[in-house]
Amino acid sequence: MAYKELNPEEEYVILHKGTERPFTGKYFDNKAEGLYRCKQCGTPLFKSDAKFDSGTGWPSFDDAIEGAVKEVPDADGRRVEIVCAKCGGHLGHVFRGEGFTSKQTRHCVNSISLDFEAE
């Protein structure tokens, strides 16, 4: 499978499980309707209607497209990492029970791991 070429900053986050600084990513405050895709392989991951403002500085979604996001125990043993189910690219982490939405789920995603396709 052919993946998109990543720049060094994208590689740091997507391939080496880095994290972009909060409030710096281009999608944390995006309110447009559309579809968020994996930056590396283009797989649809999140719909804009699942996005909400968590105040954390990263794009937050209370739901993923079914089967698109895989949960993996994080190396730190405290968090749950989320990756693209198709290519394994690092997206961020998932948190539950915080009370932000009725779904009690926050997929905290690095903007740099995403591409956005406006409707």
PDB file of N, CA and C in Angstrom:
ATOM      1  N   MET A   1       0.845  -1.184   0.000  1.00  0.00           N
ATOM      2  CA  MET A   1       0.000   0.000   0.000  1.00  0.00           C
ATOM      3  C   MET A   1       0.887   1.244   0.000  1.00  0.00           C
ATOM      4  N   ALA A   2       0.546   2.195  -0.831  1.00  0.00           N
ATOM      5  CA  ALA A   2       1.304   3.438  -0.925  1.00  0.00           C
ATOM      6  C   ALA A   2       0.749   4.463   0.063  1.00  0.00           C
ATOM      7  N   TYR A   3       1.646   5.030   0.868  1.00  0.00           N
ATOM      8  CA  TYR A   3       1.251   6.063   1.822  1.00  0.00           C
ATOM      9  C   TYR A   3       1.734   7.413   1.334  1.00  0.00           C
ATOM     10  N   LYS A   4       1.113   8.465   1.844  1.00  0.00           N
ATOM     11  CA  LYS A   4       1.548   9.823   1.523  1.00  0.00           C
ATOM     12  C   LYS A   4       2.932  10.065   2.127  1.00  0.00           C
ATOM     13  N   GLU A   5       3.726  10.867   1.442  1.00  0.00           N
ATOM     14  CA  GLU A   5       5.030  11.230   1.983  1.00  0.00           C
ATOM     15  C   GLU A   5       4.818  12.214   3.128  1.00  0.00           C
ATOM     16  N   LEU A   6       5.470  11.963   4.242  1.00  0.00           N
ATOM     17  CA  LEU A   6       5.320  12.800   5.432  1.00  0.00           C
ATOM     18  C   LEU A   6       6.545  13.683   5.612  1.00  0.00           C
ATOM     19  N   ASN A   7       6.321  14.904   6.088  1.00  0.00           N
ATOM     20  CA  ASN A   7       7.453  15.756   6.421  1.00  0.00           C
ATOM     21  C   ASN A   7       7.991  15.336   7.799  1.00  0.00           C
ATOM     22  N   PRO A   8       9.155  15.842   8.222  1.00  0.00           N
ATOM     23  CA  PRO A   8       9.738  15.401   9.493  1.00  0.00           C
ATOM     24  C   PRO A   8       8.827  15.587  10.712  1.00  0.00           C
ATOM     25  N   GLU A   9       8.078  16.685  10.763  1.00  0.00           N
ATOM     26  CA  GLU A   9       7.175  16.912  11.897  1.00  0.00           C
ATOM     27  C   GLU A   9       6.032  15.895  11.900  1.00  0.00           C
ATOM     28  N   GLU A  10       5.490  15.605  10.722  1.00  0.00           N
ATOM     29  CA  GLU A  10       4.432  14.596  10.609  1.00  0.00           C
ATOM     30  C   GLU A  10       4.964  13.218  10.986  1.00  0.00           C
ATOM     31  N   GLU A  11       6.173  12.885  10.544  1.00  0.00           N
ATOM     32  CA  GLU A  11       6.794  11.606  10.900  1.00  0.00           C
ATOM     33  C   GLU A  11       6.958  11.484  12.413  1.00  0.00           C
ATOM     34  N   TYR A  12       7.396  12.574  13.061  1.00  0.00           N
ATOM     35  CA  TYR A  12       7.596  12.564  14.509  1.00  0.00           C
ATOM     36  C   TYR A  12       6.316  12.150  15.232  1.00  0.00           C
ATOM     37  N   VAL A  13       5.182  12.682  14.826  1.00  0.00           N
ATOM     38  CA  VAL A  13       3.913  12.382  15.492  1.00  0.00           C
ATOM     39  C   VAL A  13       3.335  11.054  15.007  1.00  0.00           C
ATOM     40  N   ILE A  14       3.198  10.886  13.702  1.00  0.00           N
ATOM     41  CA  ILE A  14       2.474   9.738  13.140  1.00  0.00           C
ATOM     42  C   ILE A  14       3.263   8.436  13.246  1.00  0.00           C
ATOM     43  N   LEU A  15       4.549   8.470  12.993  1.00  0.00           N
ATOM     44  CA  LEU A  15       5.353   7.248  13.016  1.00  0.00           C
ATOM     45  C   LEU A  15       6.031   6.983  14.348  1.00  0.00           C
ATOM     46  N   HIS A  16       6.407   8.068  15.066  1.00  0.00           N
ATOM     47  CA  HIS A  16       7.184   7.910  16.296  1.00  0.00           C
ATOM     48  C   HIS A  16       6.384   8.270  17.551  1.00  0.00           C
ATOM     49  N   LYS A  17       5.066   8.403  17.385  1.00  0.00           N
ATOM     50  CA  LYS A  17       4.128   8.603  18.504  1.00  0.00           C
ATOM     51  C   LYS A  17       4.381   9.877  19.298  1.00  0.00           C
ATOM     52  N   GLY A  18       4.778  10.918  18.610  1.00  0.00           N
ATOM     53  CA  GLY A  18       4.973  12.213  19.252  1.00  0.00           C
ATOM     54  C   GLY A  18       3.645  12.915  19.477  1.00  0.00           C
ATOM     55  N   THR A  19       3.716  14.110  20.039  1.00  0.00           N
ATOM     56  CA  THR A  19       2.520  14.917  20.298  1.00  0.00           C
ATOM     57  C   THR A  19       2.814  16.358  19.902  1.00  0.00           C
ATOM     58  N   GLU A  20       1.877  16.954  19.162  1.00  0.00           N
ATOM     59  CA  GLU A  20       2.036  18.373  18.850  1.00  0.00           C
ATOM     60  C   GLU A  20       1.642  19.193  20.069  1.00  0.00           C
ATOM     61  N   ARG A  21       2.155  20.407  20.151  1.00  0.00           N
ATOM     62  CA  ARG A  21       1.823  21.285  21.277  1.00  0.00           C
ATOM     63  C   ARG A  21       0.345  21.664  21.216  1.00  0.00           C
ATOM     64  N   PRO A  22      -0.307  21.790  22.377  1.00  0.00           N
ATOM     65  CA  PRO A  22      -1.726  22.172  22.373  1.00  0.00           C
ATOM     66  C   PRO A  22      -1.933  23.562  21.784  1.00  0.00           C
ATOM     67  N   PHE A  23      -3.102  23.753  21.194  1.00  0.00           N
ATOM     68  CA  PHE A  23      -3.533  25.029  20.596  1.00  0.00           C
ATOM     69  C   PHE A  23      -2.679  25.468  19.412  1.00  0.00           C
ATOM     70  N   THR A  24      -1.879  24.558  18.825  1.00  0.00           N
ATOM     71  CA  THR A  24      -1.049  24.904  17.682  1.00  0.00           C
ATOM     72  C   THR A  24      -1.508  24.223  16.400  1.00  0.00           C
ATOM     73  N   GLY A  25      -2.268  23.152  16.507  1.00  0.00           N
ATOM     74  CA  GLY A  25      -2.704  22.406  15.326  1.00  0.00           C
ATOM     75  C   GLY A  25      -3.789  23.128  14.554  1.00  0.00           C
ATOM     76  N   LYS A  26      -3.835  22.898  13.255  1.00  0.00           N
ATOM     77  CA  LYS A  26      -4.764  23.650  12.417  1.00  0.00           C
ATOM     78  C   LYS A  26      -6.220  23.232  12.566  1.00  0.00           C
ATOM     79  N   TYR A  27      -6.503  22.117  13.224  1.00  0.00           N
ATOM     80  CA  TYR A  27      -7.893  21.668  13.321  1.00  0.00           C
ATOM     81  C   TYR A  27      -8.503  21.767  14.719  1.00  0.00           C
ATOM     82  N   PHE A  28      -7.746  22.159  15.736  1.00  0.00           N
ATOM     83  CA  PHE A  28      -8.311  22.164  17.088  1.00  0.00           C
ATOM     84  C   PHE A  28      -9.530  23.071  17.188  1.00  0.00           C
ATOM     85  N   ASP A  29      -9.562  24.134  16.402  1.00  0.00           N
ATOM     86  CA  ASP A  29     -10.681  25.083  16.473  1.00  0.00           C
ATOM     87  C   ASP A  29     -11.521  25.073  15.183  1.00  0.00           C
ATOM     88  N   ASN A  30     -11.341  24.063  14.348  1.00  0.00           N
ATOM     89  CA  ASN A  30     -12.084  23.969  13.089  1.00  0.00           C
ATOM     90  C   ASN A  30     -13.544  23.616  13.372  1.00  0.00           C
ATOM     91  N   LYS A  31     -14.461  24.425  12.859  1.00  0.00           N
ATOM     92  CA  LYS A  31     -15.888  24.182  13.074  1.00  0.00           C
ATOM     93  C   LYS A  31     -16.627  23.857  11.779  1.00  0.00           C
ATOM     94  N   ALA A  32     -15.884  23.706  10.683  1.00  0.00           N
ATOM     95  CA  ALA A  32     -16.494  23.397   9.389  1.00  0.00           C
ATOM     96  C   ALA A  32     -17.035  21.963   9.379  1.00  0.00           C
ATOM     97  N   GLU A  33     -18.049  21.752   8.548  1.00  0.00           N
ATOM     98  CA  GLU A  33     -18.605  20.409   8.398  1.00  0.00           C
ATOM     99  C   GLU A  33     -17.794  19.648   7.369  1.00  0.00           C
ATOM    100  N   GLY A  34     -17.573  18.367   7.656  1.00  0.00           N
ATOM    101  CA  GLY A  34     -16.811  17.555   6.723  1.00  0.00           C
ATOM    102  C   GLY A  34     -16.313  16.281   7.362  1.00  0.00           C
ATOM    103  N   LEU A  35     -15.230  15.774   6.807  1.00  0.00           N
ATOM    104  CA  LEU A  35     -14.692  14.472   7.176  1.00  0.00           C
ATOM    105  C   LEU A  35     -13.203  14.611   7.493  1.00  0.00           C
ATOM    106  N   TYR A  36     -12.793  14.012   8.588  1.00  0.00           N
ATOM    107  CA  TYR A  36     -11.383  13.992   8.973  1.00  0.00           C
ATOM    108  C   TYR A  36     -10.799  12.641   8.556  1.00  0.00           C
ATOM    109  N   ARG A  37      -9.703  12.690   7.822  1.00  0.00           N
ATOM    110  CA  ARG A  37      -9.054  11.487   7.303  1.00  0.00           C
ATOM    111  C   ARG A  37      -7.650  11.330   7.883  1.00  0.00           C
ATOM    112  N   CYS A  38      -7.152  10.110   7.862  1.00  0.00           N
ATOM    113  CA  CYS A  38      -5.776   9.833   8.269  1.00  0.00           C
ATOM    114  C   CYS A  38      -4.822  10.546   7.315  1.00  0.00           C
ATOM    115  N   LYS A  39      -3.890  11.304   7.858  1.00  0.00           N
ATOM    116  CA  LYS A  39      -2.904  12.033   7.058  1.00  0.00           C
ATOM    117  C   LYS A  39      -2.034  11.079   6.234  1.00  0.00           C
ATOM    118  N   GLN A  40      -1.736   9.896   6.791  1.00  0.00           N
ATOM    119  CA  GLN A  40      -0.813   8.981   6.132  1.00  0.00           C
ATOM    120  C   GLN A  40      -1.465   8.157   5.020  1.00  0.00           C
ATOM    121  N   CYS A  41      -2.676   7.630   5.251  1.00  0.00           N
ATOM    122  CA  CYS A  41      -3.260   6.721   4.257  1.00  0.00           C
ATOM    123  C   CYS A  41      -4.588   7.198   3.673  1.00  0.00           C
ATOM    124  N   GLY A  42      -5.179   8.257   4.243  1.00  0.00           N
ATOM    125  CA  GLY A  42      -6.411   8.809   3.700  1.00  0.00           C
ATOM    126  C   GLY A  42      -7.698   8.159   4.173  1.00  0.00           C
ATOM    127  N   THR A  43      -7.618   7.200   5.084  1.00  0.00           N
ATOM    128  CA  THR A  43      -8.810   6.529   5.588  1.00  0.00           C
ATOM    129  C   THR A  43      -9.703   7.505   6.347  1.00  0.00           C
ATOM    130  N   PRO A  44     -11.017   7.511   6.101  1.00  0.00           N
ATOM    131  CA  PRO A  44     -11.931   8.337   6.901  1.00  0.00           C
ATOM    132  C   PRO A  44     -11.933   7.858   8.353  1.00  0.00           C
ATOM    133  N   LEU A  45     -11.742   8.792   9.292  1.00  0.00           N
ATOM    134  CA  LEU A  45     -11.643   8.449  10.718  1.00  0.00           C
ATOM    135  C   LEU A  45     -12.768   9.036  11.558  1.00  0.00           C
ATOM    136  N   PHE A  46     -13.048  10.326  11.360  1.00  0.00           N
ATOM    137  CA  PHE A  46     -14.021  11.034  12.196  1.00  0.00           C
ATOM    138  C   PHE A  46     -14.890  11.936  11.329  1.00  0.00           C
ATOM    139  N   LYS A  47     -16.165  12.049  11.686  1.00  0.00           N
ATOM    140  CA  LYS A  47     -17.067  13.003  11.040  1.00  0.00           C
ATOM    141  C   LYS A  47     -17.113  14.264  11.896  1.00  0.00           C
ATOM    142  N   SER A  48     -17.331  15.396  11.251  1.00  0.00           N
ATOM    143  CA  SER A  48     -17.334  16.673  11.965  1.00  0.00           C
ATOM    144  C   SER A  48     -18.433  16.753  13.017  1.00  0.00           C
ATOM    145  N   ASP A  49     -19.535  16.022  12.843  1.00  0.00           N
ATOM    146  CA  ASP A  49     -20.602  16.096  13.845  1.00  0.00           C
ATOM    147  C   ASP A  49     -20.232  15.411  15.155  1.00  0.00           C
ATOM    148  N   ALA A  50     -19.116  14.684  15.182  1.00  0.00           N
ATOM    149  CA  ALA A  50     -18.630  14.056  16.420  1.00  0.00           C
ATOM    150  C   ALA A  50     -17.597  14.943  17.125  1.00  0.00           C
ATOM    151  N   LYS A  51     -17.211  16.058  16.496  1.00  0.00           N
ATOM    152  CA  LYS A  51     -16.185  16.942  17.058  1.00  0.00           C
ATOM    153  C   LYS A  51     -16.813  17.897  18.079  1.00  0.00           C
ATOM    154  N   PHE A  52     -16.097  18.149  19.158  1.00  0.00           N
ATOM    155  CA  PHE A  52     -16.557  19.095  20.171  1.00  0.00           C
ATOM    156  C   PHE A  52     -15.368  19.844  20.759  1.00  0.00           C
ATOM    157  N   ASP A  53     -15.646  20.964  21.395  1.00  0.00           N
ATOM    158  CA  ASP A  53     -14.606  21.782  22.008  1.00  0.00           C
ATOM    159  C   ASP A  53     -14.375  21.313  23.434  1.00  0.00           C
ATOM    160  N   SER A  54     -13.259  20.641  23.646  1.00  0.00           N
ATOM    161  CA  SER A  54     -12.925  20.138  24.977  1.00  0.00           C
ATOM    162  C   SER A  54     -12.109  21.156  25.771  1.00  0.00           C
ATOM    163  N   GLY A  55     -11.613  22.194  25.099  1.00  0.00           N
ATOM    164  CA  GLY A  55     -10.774  23.178  25.772  1.00  0.00           C
ATOM    165  C   GLY A  55      -9.362  22.694  26.027  1.00  0.00           C
ATOM    166  N   THR A  56      -8.998  21.522  25.488  1.00  0.00           N
ATOM    167  CA  THR A  56      -7.686  20.942  25.752  1.00  0.00           C
ATOM    168  C   THR A  56      -6.610  21.394  24.767  1.00  0.00           C
ATOM    169  N   GLY A  57      -7.041  21.958  23.609  1.00  0.00           N
ATOM    170  CA  GLY A  57      -6.077  22.413  22.627  1.00  0.00           C
ATOM    171  C   GLY A  57      -5.824  21.441  21.492  1.00  0.00           C
ATOM    172  N   TRP A  58      -6.492  20.303  21.512  1.00  0.00           N
ATOM    173  CA  TRP A  58      -6.401  19.333  20.431  1.00  0.00           C
ATOM    174  C   TRP A  58      -7.803  19.043  19.919  1.00  0.00           C
ATOM    175  N   PRO A  59      -7.932  18.654  18.650  1.00  0.00           N
ATOM    176  CA  PRO A  59      -9.245  18.243  18.163  1.00  0.00           C
ATOM    177  C   PRO A  59      -9.773  17.081  19.017  1.00  0.00           C
ATOM    178  N   SER A  60     -11.036  17.179  19.412  1.00  0.00           N
ATOM    179  CA  SER A  60     -11.656  16.153  20.252  1.00  0.00           C
ATOM    180  C   SER A  60     -12.925  15.644  19.582  1.00  0.00           C
ATOM    181  N   PHE A  61     -13.084  14.335  19.576  1.00  0.00           N
ATOM    182  CA  PHE A  61     -14.238  13.688  18.954  1.00  0.00           C
ATOM    183  C   PHE A  61     -14.821  12.694  19.944  1.00  0.00           C
ATOM    184  N   ASP A  62     -16.160  12.650  20.059  1.00  0.00           N
ATOM    185  CA  ASP A  62     -16.756  11.682  20.980  1.00  0.00           C
ATOM    186  C   ASP A  62     -17.134  10.377  20.291  1.00  0.00           C
ATOM    187  N   ASP A  63     -16.830  10.271  18.994  1.00  0.00           N
ATOM    188  CA  ASP A  63     -17.107   9.046  18.266  1.00  0.00           C
ATOM    189  C   ASP A  63     -16.197   8.980  17.048  1.00  0.00           C
ATOM    190  N   ALA A  64     -15.810   7.766  16.674  1.00  0.00           N
ATOM    191  CA  ALA A  64     -15.023   7.538  15.469  1.00  0.00           C
ATOM    192  C   ALA A  64     -15.886   6.776  14.471  1.00  0.00           C
ATOM    193  N   ILE A  65     -15.501   6.812  13.223  1.00  0.00           N
ATOM    194  CA  ILE A  65     -16.190   6.012  12.214  1.00  0.00           C
ATOM    195  C   ILE A  65     -15.927   4.545  12.561  1.00  0.00           C
ATOM    196  N   GLU A  66     -16.978   3.752  12.533  1.00  0.00           N
ATOM    197  CA  GLU A  66     -16.880   2.358  12.967  1.00  0.00           C
ATOM    198  C   GLU A  66     -15.746   1.617  12.252  1.00  0.00           C
ATOM    199  N   GLY A  67     -14.866   1.005  13.056  1.00  0.00           N
ATOM    200  CA  GLY A  67     -13.766   0.205  12.540  1.00  0.00           C
ATOM    201  C   GLY A  67     -12.556   0.979  12.054  1.00  0.00           C
ATOM    202  N   ALA A  68     -12.598   2.314  12.104  1.00  0.00           N
ATOM    203  CA  ALA A  68     -11.509   3.122  11.543  1.00  0.00           C
ATOM    204  C   ALA A  68     -10.372   3.389  12.520  1.00  0.00           C
ATOM    205  N   VAL A  69     -10.675   3.360  13.821  1.00  0.00           N
ATOM    206  CA  VAL A  69      -9.695   3.708  14.844  1.00  0.00           C
ATOM    207  C   VAL A  69      -9.504   2.517  15.776  1.00  0.00           C
ATOM    208  N   LYS A  70      -8.248   2.163  15.995  1.00  0.00           N
ATOM    209  CA  LYS A  70      -7.899   1.032  16.860  1.00  0.00           C
ATOM    210  C   LYS A  70      -7.322   1.560  18.169  1.00  0.00           C
ATOM    211  N   GLU A  71      -7.716   0.936  19.268  1.00  0.00           N
ATOM    212  CA  GLU A  71      -7.201   1.309  20.589  1.00  0.00           C
ATOM    213  C   GLU A  71      -6.103   0.334  21.002  1.00  0.00           C
ATOM    214  N   VAL A  72      -5.010   0.906  21.519  1.00  0.00           N
ATOM    215  CA  VAL A  72      -3.841   0.125  21.916  1.00  0.00           C
ATOM    216  C   VAL A  72      -3.374   0.618  23.283  1.00  0.00           C
ATOM    217  N   PRO A  73      -3.081  -0.280  24.241  1.00  0.00           N
ATOM    218  CA  PRO A  73      -2.532   0.204  25.520  1.00  0.00           C
ATOM    219  C   PRO A  73      -1.254   1.000  25.262  1.00  0.00           C
ATOM    220  N   ASP A  74      -1.172   2.185  25.874  1.00  0.00           N
ATOM    221  CA  ASP A  74      -0.021   3.057  25.682  1.00  0.00           C
ATOM    222  C   ASP A  74       1.187   2.503  26.429  1.00  0.00           C
ATOM    223  N   ALA A  75       2.361   2.822  25.922  1.00  0.00           N
ATOM    224  CA  ALA A  75       3.605   2.361  26.550  1.00  0.00           C
ATOM    225  C   ALA A  75       3.739   2.857  27.984  1.00  0.00           C
ATOM    226  N   ASP A  76       3.086   3.997  28.315  1.00  0.00           N
ATOM    227  CA  ASP A  76       3.190   4.521  29.686  1.00  0.00           C
ATOM    228  C   ASP A  76       2.320   3.750  30.674  1.00  0.00           C
ATOM    229  N   GLY A  77       1.464   2.849  30.164  1.00  0.00           N
ATOM    230  CA  GLY A  77       0.640   2.019  31.037  1.00  0.00           C
ATOM    231  C   GLY A  77      -0.549   2.728  31.650  1.00  0.00           C
ATOM    232  N   ARG A  78      -0.731   4.032  31.388  1.00  0.00           N
ATOM    233  CA  ARG A  78      -1.821   4.796  31.992  1.00  0.00           C
ATOM    234  C   ARG A  78      -2.884   5.204  30.983  1.00  0.00           C
ATOM    235  N   ARG A  79      -2.479   5.374  29.741  1.00  0.00           N
ATOM    236  CA  ARG A  79      -3.405   5.871  28.735  1.00  0.00           C
ATOM    237  C   ARG A  79      -3.665   4.805  27.673  1.00  0.00           C
ATOM    238  N   VAL A  80      -4.648   5.109  26.806  1.00  0.00           N
ATOM    239  CA  VAL A  80      -4.948   4.235  25.680  1.00  0.00           C
ATOM    240  C   VAL A  80      -4.673   5.024  24.401  1.00  0.00           C
ATOM    241  N   GLU A  81      -3.720   4.552  23.622  1.00  0.00           N
ATOM    242  CA  GLU A  81      -3.364   5.185  22.356  1.00  0.00           C
ATOM    243  C   GLU A  81      -4.414   4.844  21.312  1.00  0.00           C
ATOM    244  N   ILE A  82      -4.648   5.775  20.379  1.00  0.00           N
ATOM    245  CA  ILE A  82      -5.487   5.482  19.224  1.00  0.00           C
ATOM    246  C   ILE A  82      -4.635   5.606  17.969  1.00  0.00           C
ATOM    247  N   VAL A  83      -4.827   4.624  17.075  1.00  0.00           N
ATOM    248  CA  VAL A  83      -4.104   4.589  15.813  1.00  0.00           C
ATOM    249  C   VAL A  83      -5.094   4.347  14.685  1.00  0.00           C
ATOM    250  N   CYS A  84      -4.705   4.701  13.477  1.00  0.00           N
ATOM    251  CA  CYS A  84      -5.506   4.384  12.301  1.00  0.00           C
ATOM    252  C   CYS A  84      -5.526   2.868  12.159  1.00  0.00           C
ATOM    253  N   ALA A  85      -6.721   2.294  12.056  1.00  0.00           N
ATOM    254  CA  ALA A  85      -6.843   0.843  11.960  1.00  0.00           C
ATOM    255  C   ALA A  85      -6.261   0.305  10.655  1.00  0.00           C
ATOM    256  N   LYS A  86      -6.156   1.143   9.640  1.00  0.00           N
ATOM    257  CA  LYS A  86      -5.659   0.685   8.345  1.00  0.00           C
ATOM    258  C   LYS A  86      -4.132   0.703   8.270  1.00  0.00           C
ATOM    259  N   CYS A  87      -3.502   1.823   8.676  1.00  0.00           N
ATOM    260  CA  CYS A  87      -2.047   1.944   8.504  1.00  0.00           C
ATOM    261  C   CYS A  87      -1.264   1.944   9.817  1.00  0.00           C
ATOM    262  N   GLY A  88      -1.953   2.049  10.951  1.00  0.00           N
ATOM    263  CA  GLY A  88      -1.268   2.047  12.244  1.00  0.00           C
ATOM    264  C   GLY A  88      -0.674   3.382  12.647  1.00  0.00           C
ATOM    265  N   GLY A  89      -0.949   4.433  11.874  1.00  0.00           N
ATOM    266  CA  GLY A  89      -0.414   5.756  12.199  1.00  0.00           C
ATOM    267  C   GLY A  89      -0.968   6.268  13.525  1.00  0.00           C
ATOM    268  N   HIS A  90      -0.089   6.860  14.344  1.00  0.00           N
ATOM    269  CA  HIS A  90      -0.479   7.404  15.646  1.00  0.00           C
ATOM    270  C   HIS A  90      -1.395   8.609  15.464  1.00  0.00           C
ATOM    271  N   LEU A  91      -2.538   8.586  16.175  1.00  0.00           N
ATOM    272  CA  LEU A  91      -3.497   9.692  16.133  1.00  0.00           C
ATOM    273  C   LEU A  91      -3.481  10.493  17.418  1.00  0.00           C
ATOM    274  N   GLY A  92      -3.413   9.819  18.554  1.00  0.00           N
ATOM    275  CA  GLY A  92      -3.479  10.474  19.858  1.00  0.00           C
ATOM    276  C   GLY A  92      -3.870   9.462  20.913  1.00  0.00           C
ATOM    277  N   HIS A  93      -4.821   9.861  21.786  1.00  0.00           N
ATOM    278  CA  HIS A  93      -5.265   8.994  22.881  1.00  0.00           C
ATOM    279  C   HIS A  93      -6.776   9.119  23.061  1.00  0.00           C
ATOM    280  N   VAL A  94      -7.364   8.122  23.694  1.00  0.00           N
ATOM    281  CA  VAL A  94      -8.792   8.164  23.998  1.00  0.00           C
ATOM    282  C   VAL A  94      -8.959   8.174  25.520  1.00  0.00           C
ATOM    283  N   PHE A  95      -9.905   8.991  25.978  1.00  0.00           N
ATOM    284  CA  PHE A  95     -10.205   9.120  27.407  1.00  0.00           C
ATOM    285  C   PHE A  95     -11.699   8.915  27.596  1.00  0.00           C
ATOM    286  N   ARG A  96     -12.070   8.282  28.693  1.00  0.00           N
ATOM    287  CA  ARG A  96     -13.487   8.009  28.956  1.00  0.00           C
ATOM    288  C   ARG A  96     -13.875   8.516  30.340  1.00  0.00           C
ATOM    289  N   GLY A  97     -15.161   8.856  30.459  1.00  0.00           N
ATOM    290  CA  GLY A  97     -15.708   9.239  31.752  1.00  0.00           C
ATOM    291  C   GLY A  97     -15.415  10.659  32.180  1.00  0.00           C
ATOM    292  N   GLU A  98     -15.034  11.525  31.262  1.00  0.00           N
ATOM    293  CA  GLU A  98     -14.705  12.900  31.625  1.00  0.00           C
ATOM    294  C   GLU A  98     -15.919  13.817  31.665  1.00  0.00           C
ATOM    295  N   GLY A  99     -17.022  13.413  31.058  1.00  0.00           N
ATOM    296  CA  GLY A  99     -18.252  14.199  31.131  1.00  0.00           C
ATOM    297  C   GLY A  99     -18.402  15.293  30.091  1.00  0.00           C
ATOM    298  N   PHE A 100     -17.545  15.333  29.093  1.00  0.00           N
ATOM    299  CA  PHE A 100     -17.656  16.374  28.063  1.00  0.00           C
ATOM    300  C   PHE A 100     -18.935  16.229  27.242  1.00  0.00           C
ATOM    301  N   THR A 101     -19.278  14.982  26.878  1.00  0.00           N
ATOM    302  CA  THR A 101     -20.482  14.728  26.082  1.00  0.00           C
ATOM    303  C   THR A 101     -21.223  13.539  26.691  1.00  0.00           C
ATOM    304  N   SER A 102     -22.414  13.298  26.199  1.00  0.00           N
ATOM    305  CA  SER A 102     -23.215  12.173  26.715  1.00  0.00           C
ATOM    306  C   SER A 102     -22.570  10.823  26.397  1.00  0.00           C
ATOM    307  N   LYS A 103     -21.694  10.783  25.405  1.00  0.00           N
ATOM    308  CA  LYS A 103     -21.014   9.530  25.057  1.00  0.00           C
ATOM    309  C   LYS A 103     -19.840   9.228  26.000  1.00  0.00           C
ATOM    310  N   GLN A 104     -19.457  10.210  26.825  1.00  0.00           N
ATOM    311  CA  GLN A 104     -18.393  10.024  27.819  1.00  0.00           C
ATOM    312  C   GLN A 104     -17.069   9.553  27.198  1.00  0.00           C
ATOM    313  N   THR A 105     -16.829   9.969  25.965  1.00  0.00           N
ATOM    314  CA  THR A 105     -15.612   9.558  25.264  1.00  0.00           C
ATOM    315  C   THR A 105     -14.973  10.776  24.612  1.00  0.00           C
ATOM    316  N   ARG A 106     -13.651  10.859  24.726  1.00  0.00           N
ATOM    317  CA  ARG A 106     -12.912  11.936  24.056  1.00  0.00           C
ATOM    318  C   ARG A 106     -11.723  11.335  23.322  1.00  0.00           C
ATOM    319  N   HIS A 107     -11.818  11.287  22.002  1.00  0.00           N
ATOM    320  CA  HIS A 107     -10.676  10.937  21.176  1.00  0.00           C
ATOM    321  C   HIS A 107      -9.883  12.233  21.012  1.00  0.00           C
ATOM    322  N   CYS A 108      -8.747  12.298  21.645  1.00  0.00           N
ATOM    323  CA  CYS A 108      -7.886  13.488  21.630  1.00  0.00           C
ATOM    324  C   CYS A 108      -6.847  13.263  20.534  1.00  0.00           C
ATOM    325  N   VAL A 109      -6.965  14.024  19.436  1.00  0.00           N
ATOM    326  CA  VAL A 109      -6.219  13.729  18.220  1.00  0.00           C
ATOM    327  C   VAL A 109      -5.280  14.879  17.852  1.00  0.00           C
ATOM    328  N   ASN A 110      -4.094  14.530  17.403  1.00  0.00           N
ATOM    329  CA  ASN A 110      -3.160  15.524  16.878  1.00  0.00           C
ATOM    330  C   ASN A 110      -3.649  16.001  15.517  1.00  0.00           C
ATOM    331  N   SER A 111      -3.779  17.313  15.334  1.00  0.00           N
ATOM    332  CA  SER A 111      -4.177  17.859  14.030  1.00  0.00           C
ATOM    333  C   SER A 111      -3.266  17.366  12.919  1.00  0.00           C
ATOM    334  N   ILE A 112      -1.987  17.252  13.223  1.00  0.00           N
ATOM    335  CA  ILE A 112      -0.995  16.869  12.217  1.00  0.00           C
ATOM    336  C   ILE A 112      -1.213  15.454  11.704  1.00  0.00           C
ATOM    337  N   SER A 113      -1.971  14.643  12.436  1.00  0.00           N
ATOM    338  CA  SER A 113      -2.288  13.270  12.017  1.00  0.00           C
ATOM    339  C   SER A 113      -3.489  13.205  11.078  1.00  0.00           C
ATOM    340  N   LEU A 114      -4.103  14.367  10.818  1.00  0.00           N
ATOM    341  CA  LEU A 114      -5.367  14.428  10.064  1.00  0.00           C
ATOM    342  C   LEU A 114      -5.270  15.273   8.811  1.00  0.00           C
ATOM    343  N   ASP A 115      -6.121  14.942   7.858  1.00  0.00           N
ATOM    344  CA  ASP A 115      -6.465  15.811   6.745  1.00  0.00           C
ATOM    345  C   ASP A 115      -7.959  16.056   6.858  1.00  0.00           C
ATOM    346  N   PHE A 116      -8.422  17.226   6.437  1.00  0.00           N
ATOM    347  CA  PHE A 116      -9.841  17.559   6.519  1.00  0.00           C
ATOM    348  C   PHE A 116     -10.410  17.771   5.136  1.00  0.00           C
ATOM    349  N   GLU A 117     -11.548  17.152   4.907  1.00  0.00           N
ATOM    350  CA  GLU A 117     -12.265  17.276   3.638  1.00  0.00           C
ATOM    351  C   GLU A 117     -13.588  17.956   3.923  1.00  0.00           C
ATOM    352  N   ALA A 118     -13.708  19.204   3.536  1.00  0.00           N
ATOM    353  CA  ALA A 118     -14.944  19.961   3.801  1.00  0.00           C
ATOM    354  C   ALA A 118     -16.089  19.426   2.943  1.00  0.00           C
ATOM    355  N   GLU A 119     -17.304  19.512   3.497  1.00  0.00           N
ATOM    356  CA  GLU A 119     -18.507  19.089   2.757  1.00  0.00           C
ATOM    357  C   GLU A 119     -18.874  20.133   1.735  1.00  0.00           C
TER     358      GLU A 119
END
